[in-house]
Structure formats: structure tokens, C-alpha cells
Amino acid sequence: MRGTFPFGTNWSWRSGFDRRHPKEFISGKEIQGWVNPGVVSRRLLNSKNSQSQRVTLTEVYLEPGACQQRHSHQASEQVWYALAGQGTLLLGEGKALPFHRGDVVRFAQGDIHGLQNPGLEEFVCLAVTAPPLDFREAYQGTAKSPAP
């Protein structure tokens, strides 16, 4: 079976991905969450549930008024994609920028960044970190995190 993805990229089921048997499948029921007051980070893809050595994929939920304090990662970069709600990016030198559904931001290694939810509804974003990091020390607890 052959076809064309958008933008003209050719694909073939024979090229390595078998849609009946993905290389790795992680059930939403198995995903663990890290918890701070007002914040849940669902660890979608990480070294504990995947063989990937290149990225960590995290779904982050902030309740209204919640905040992830400014911090930096000295050996990794991050990309955040806002999925729902309205947030505020907390940057270095006390700067802040609006961060809304559909926005994307990239932080190079060492960049100061944080996130606040000043809105009245939950804010959700997807974070991609490369190379992978273990964020465990930044959270107060863990919990089974059911699929939304």
C-alpha cells in the first residue's frame, strides 16, 4: 500500500512501520503523573515507559492560578505547544509573554522559563524535551494519571 502524506512526502507500509504492530504502544491507563499544587504533568513518553533515548514527551495541566516557577535545563532544550486555555510564559529578567492555545515556544538549553495560568479555565500544553530529562525532583508527588 502506498500513498502521499500532505506536502508530497511518500510513505509505504513496507518502509518500517507496521500499523498493526507499532514499535511501542503506551496505554493512557499506564501513564504516570507527577503532581505539584495545581499542576499535573503526565509523563507520556520517557525512559521508564519507552526505549526512546532522544526525547521526553509530557502533557502539562495547570489549574487556574497555578504556576510552574522559573527554571532552566542546562543540558536540554524544550518545545511547548499550548493545547488549551490561556497561560503566561515566565521568562528571564522578570519578563512575561502571553501563551495561548495554538502557540509554540522553544527554549534553548539554559534558557530561563516557567508557566503561569492566570485564566479562569485549565491550561494544557505539550512539552517535548531533548535530550530526555528526569523531572522527578521538581515535583512533590506522583499519581496514576488517567487518560483525559
Protein backbone atom coordinates (compact mmCIF):
# COMPACT_ATOMS: atom_id res chain seq x y z
CA MET A 1 0.00 0.00 0.00
CA ARG A 2 1.44 3.36 -0.98
CA GLY A 3 0.20 6.92 -0.63
CA THR A 4 1.18 10.51 -0.15
CA PHE A 5 1.19 12.44 3.08
CA PRO A 6 0.49 16.18 2.95
CA PHE A 7 3.33 18.16 1.38
CA GLY A 8 4.15 15.32 -1.03
CA THR A 9 6.04 13.00 1.32
CA ASN A 10 5.81 9.41 0.10
CA TRP A 11 5.22 6.56 2.52
CA SER A 12 4.90 2.83 2.36
CA TRP A 13 3.81 0.31 4.98
CA ARG A 14 6.87 -1.67 3.92
CA SER A 15 9.19 1.18 4.92
CA GLY A 16 9.41 0.01 8.53
CA PHE A 17 6.18 0.88 10.34
CA ASP A 18 3.56 -1.82 10.56
CA ARG A 19 0.27 -0.16 11.52
CA ARG A 20 -0.89 -3.41 13.18
CA HIS A 21 2.26 -3.66 15.34
CA PRO A 22 3.72 -0.26 16.31
CA LYS A 23 7.26 -0.27 17.67
CA GLU A 24 5.94 0.88 21.05
CA PHE A 25 2.44 1.42 22.36
CA ILE A 26 1.77 3.12 25.70
CA SER A 27 -1.77 2.88 27.03
CA GLY A 28 -3.17 6.07 28.54
CA LYS A 29 -4.15 3.99 31.57
CA GLU A 30 -0.48 3.25 32.27
CA ILE A 31 0.77 6.84 32.19
CA GLN A 32 2.05 8.18 35.48
CA GLY A 33 1.58 11.79 36.56
CA TRP A 34 3.85 13.98 38.63
CA VAL A 35 1.98 16.35 40.91
CA ASN A 36 2.54 19.78 42.46
CA PRO A 37 -0.20 22.03 43.87
CA GLY A 38 -2.38 22.93 40.87
CA VAL A 39 -0.09 21.14 38.37
CA VAL A 40 -0.17 17.63 36.91
CA SER A 41 2.46 16.53 34.40
CA ARG A 42 1.53 13.33 32.56
CA ARG A 43 4.74 11.60 31.50
CA LEU A 44 3.58 10.33 28.10
CA LEU A 45 6.96 9.16 26.78
CA ASN A 46 10.03 8.79 28.96
CA SER A 47 12.89 6.42 29.75
CA LYS A 48 10.70 4.44 32.18
CA ASN A 49 7.99 3.52 29.64
CA SER A 50 9.88 3.69 26.33
CA GLN A 51 13.14 2.75 24.69
CA SER A 52 13.45 6.27 23.29
CA GLN A 53 16.76 7.82 24.25
CA ARG A 54 16.16 11.10 22.42
CA VAL A 55 13.04 12.80 23.81
CA THR A 56 10.69 13.12 26.74
CA LEU A 57 7.05 13.94 25.95
CA THR A 58 4.94 15.44 28.74
CA GLU A 59 1.35 16.71 28.86
CA VAL A 60 1.12 19.51 31.45
CA TYR A 61 -2.11 20.65 33.16
CA LEU A 62 -2.27 23.87 35.20
CA GLU A 63 -5.37 24.73 37.20
CA PRO A 64 -6.44 28.39 37.26
CA GLY A 65 -3.93 30.35 39.36
CA ALA A 66 -1.30 27.59 39.28
CA CYS A 67 2.33 28.27 38.43
CA GLN A 68 5.47 26.40 37.41
CA GLN A 69 8.25 28.61 38.71
CA ARG A 70 11.05 29.92 36.51
CA HIS A 71 13.81 27.37 35.98
CA SER A 72 16.28 26.21 33.32
CA HIS A 73 17.71 22.98 31.93
CA GLN A 74 21.46 23.14 31.36
CA ALA A 75 21.71 20.13 29.05
CA SER A 76 18.32 20.02 27.25
CA GLU A 77 16.08 22.16 25.11
CA GLN A 78 12.28 22.20 25.30
CA VAL A 79 9.42 22.93 22.93
CA TRP A 80 5.98 23.71 24.36
CA TYR A 81 2.75 23.59 22.36
CA ALA A 82 -0.33 25.15 24.00
CA LEU A 83 -3.32 22.82 23.62
CA ALA A 84 -6.00 24.58 25.69
CA GLY A 85 -6.53 27.73 27.70
CA GLN A 86 -4.51 30.89 28.17
CA GLY A 87 -1.23 30.96 30.02
CA THR A 88 1.67 33.28 30.66
CA LEU A 89 5.26 32.37 29.84
CA LEU A 90 7.62 33.38 32.63
CA LEU A 91 10.99 34.29 31.10
CA GLY A 92 14.37 35.53 32.27
CA GLU A 93 14.91 39.04 33.66
CA GLY A 94 11.34 39.03 35.02
CA LYS A 95 9.80 39.16 31.53
CA ALA A 96 6.48 37.51 30.69
CA LEU A 97 4.58 36.79 27.46
CA PRO A 98 1.04 35.57 26.75
CA PHE A 99 0.89 31.90 25.71
CA HIS A 100 -2.43 30.79 24.17
CA ARG A 101 -3.92 27.70 22.55
CA GLY A 102 -2.10 27.04 19.26
CA ASP A 103 1.11 28.86 20.25
CA VAL A 104 4.51 27.15 20.16
CA VAL A 105 7.64 28.22 22.03
CA ARG A 106 11.17 26.77 22.05
CA PHE A 107 13.66 27.18 24.88
CA ALA A 108 17.34 26.52 24.18
CA GLN A 109 19.39 24.79 26.86
CA GLY A 110 19.99 27.20 29.72
CA ASP A 111 17.04 29.48 28.87
CA ILE A 112 15.02 30.55 31.90
CA HIS A 113 11.36 29.64 31.56
CA GLY A 114 8.24 28.96 33.59
CA LEU A 115 4.48 28.96 33.16
CA GLN A 116 1.54 30.51 34.95
CA ASN A 117 -2.20 30.13 34.43
CA PRO A 118 -3.86 33.47 35.15
CA GLY A 119 -7.08 32.38 33.42
CA LEU A 120 -10.35 31.01 34.72
CA GLU A 121 -10.03 27.65 32.94
CA GLU A 122 -7.47 24.87 32.91
CA PHE A 123 -4.36 25.43 30.78
CA VAL A 124 -2.86 22.44 28.94
CA CYS A 125 0.36 22.20 26.96
CA LEU A 126 2.55 19.51 25.45
CA ALA A 127 6.27 19.65 26.28
CA VAL A 128 8.98 17.94 24.22
CA THR A 129 12.40 17.77 25.89
CA ALA A 130 15.59 16.69 24.15
CA PRO A 131 17.71 15.06 25.24
CA PRO A 132 15.42 13.48 27.85
CA LEU A 133 15.34 14.73 31.43
CA ASP A 134 14.07 13.18 34.63
CA PHE A 135 11.97 15.96 36.21
CA ARG A 136 11.12 13.97 39.34
CA GLU A 137 12.92 16.34 41.74
CA ALA A 138 10.73 19.24 40.61
CA TYR A 139 7.51 17.56 41.79
CA GLN A 140 6.13 16.80 45.25
CA GLY A 141 4.42 13.54 44.40
CA THR A 142 3.32 11.01 41.83
CA ALA A 143 -0.06 9.55 40.96
CA LYS A 144 -1.59 7.28 38.39
CA SER A 145 -2.77 9.69 35.77
CA PRO A 146 -5.87 8.51 33.88
CA ALA A 147 -6.25 9.41 30.25
CA PRO A 148 -8.26 12.62 29.93
